[in-house]
Protein backbone atom coordinates (compact mmCIF):
# COMPACT_ATOMS: atom_id res chain seq x y z
CA MET A 1 95.53 105.80 121.14
CA LYS A 2 96.78 108.47 118.75
CA LYS A 3 97.33 107.46 115.13
CA PRO A 4 100.98 107.92 114.08
CA ASP A 5 101.65 110.73 111.63
CA ILE A 6 102.98 108.84 108.63
CA LEU A 7 104.16 112.00 106.86
CA SER A 8 106.31 112.99 109.83
CA LYS A 9 107.84 109.53 110.00
CA ALA A 10 108.57 109.57 106.27
CA LYS A 11 110.28 112.96 106.51
CA GLU A 12 112.49 111.66 109.32
CA ASP A 13 113.50 108.50 107.43
CA SER A 14 116.78 109.49 105.76
CA GLU A 15 117.03 106.34 103.63
CA PHE A 16 113.54 106.88 102.22
CA GLN A 17 114.30 110.54 101.57
CA GLU A 18 117.45 109.65 99.64
CA ILE A 19 115.56 107.14 97.48
CA ILE A 20 112.87 109.62 96.41
CA LYS A 21 114.85 112.87 96.54
CA ASP A 22 115.25 113.42 92.80
CA ILE A 23 111.56 112.85 92.16
CA ILE A 24 110.15 115.05 94.91
CA GLU A 25 112.55 117.86 93.99
CA ASN A 26 111.52 117.71 90.33
CA LYS A 27 109.83 120.92 89.16
CA GLU A 28 106.95 119.08 87.47
CA PHE A 29 106.35 116.77 90.41
CA GLN A 30 106.26 119.76 92.78
CA LYS A 31 103.21 120.97 90.85
CA THR A 32 101.22 118.03 92.29
CA LYS A 33 100.99 120.10 95.48
CA ASN A 34 98.42 122.23 93.64
CA PHE A 35 96.04 119.43 92.68
CA TYR A 36 93.73 117.38 94.86
CA VAL A 37 92.65 113.77 95.01
CA HIS A 38 90.40 111.97 97.51
CA GLY A 39 88.74 115.20 98.65
CA ASP A 40 91.11 117.51 100.47
CA THR A 41 94.42 115.69 100.00
CA THR A 42 96.97 116.92 97.49
CA ILE A 43 98.28 114.49 94.93
CA PHE A 44 101.72 115.14 96.40
CA ALA A 45 100.70 114.17 99.95
CA HIS A 46 98.74 111.15 98.75
CA CYS A 47 101.58 109.78 96.60
CA TYR A 48 104.15 110.56 99.28
CA THR A 49 102.16 108.60 101.86
CA VAL A 50 101.54 105.65 99.54
CA SER A 51 105.22 105.63 98.63
CA TYR A 52 106.34 105.49 102.24
CA LEU A 53 103.90 102.72 103.11
CA CYS A 54 105.10 100.68 100.10
CA TYR A 55 108.70 101.33 101.09
CA LEU A 56 108.09 100.06 104.64
CA SER A 57 106.09 97.03 103.51
CA CYS A 58 108.56 95.94 100.85
CA LYS A 59 111.58 96.55 103.06
CA ASN A 60 109.98 94.43 105.78
CA LYS A 61 109.40 91.61 103.28
CA LYS A 62 112.93 91.94 101.84
CA LEU A 63 111.62 92.98 98.42
CA ASP A 64 112.91 95.71 96.12
CA TYR A 65 111.79 98.55 98.36
CA LYS A 66 113.69 101.21 96.42
CA SER A 67 111.83 100.54 93.16
CA ALA A 68 108.56 100.13 95.06
CA ALA A 69 108.98 103.52 96.77
CA ARG A 70 109.77 105.27 93.49
CA GLY A 71 106.99 103.57 91.56
CA ALA A 72 104.43 104.28 94.26
CA LEU A 73 105.46 107.92 94.35
CA LEU A 74 104.62 108.21 90.66
CA HIS A 75 101.43 106.14 90.67
CA ASP A 76 99.11 109.18 90.46
CA PHE A 77 101.45 111.65 88.77
CA TYR A 78 99.10 113.87 86.79
CA LEU A 79 98.44 117.59 86.88
CA TYR A 80 94.69 118.10 86.95
CA ASP A 81 91.83 118.01 89.42
CA TRP A 82 89.23 115.29 89.11
């Protein structure tokens, strides 16, 4: 069984995209595409994935999924390589 591509699903989720749009379009946040965490994953991709998983989990549990998605997106917002 093939593992679902979480990044593709996140990009297709218009509600999620609207919630995080201002952050991911931010000039400083875009710089996270140039820094890596957990080996070969950019900070951007890592935070984006974590954000979407938090969004789905909190939405499913009827929690504040908008704040969770935004907070998770920023959880590793730094501009340097470990």
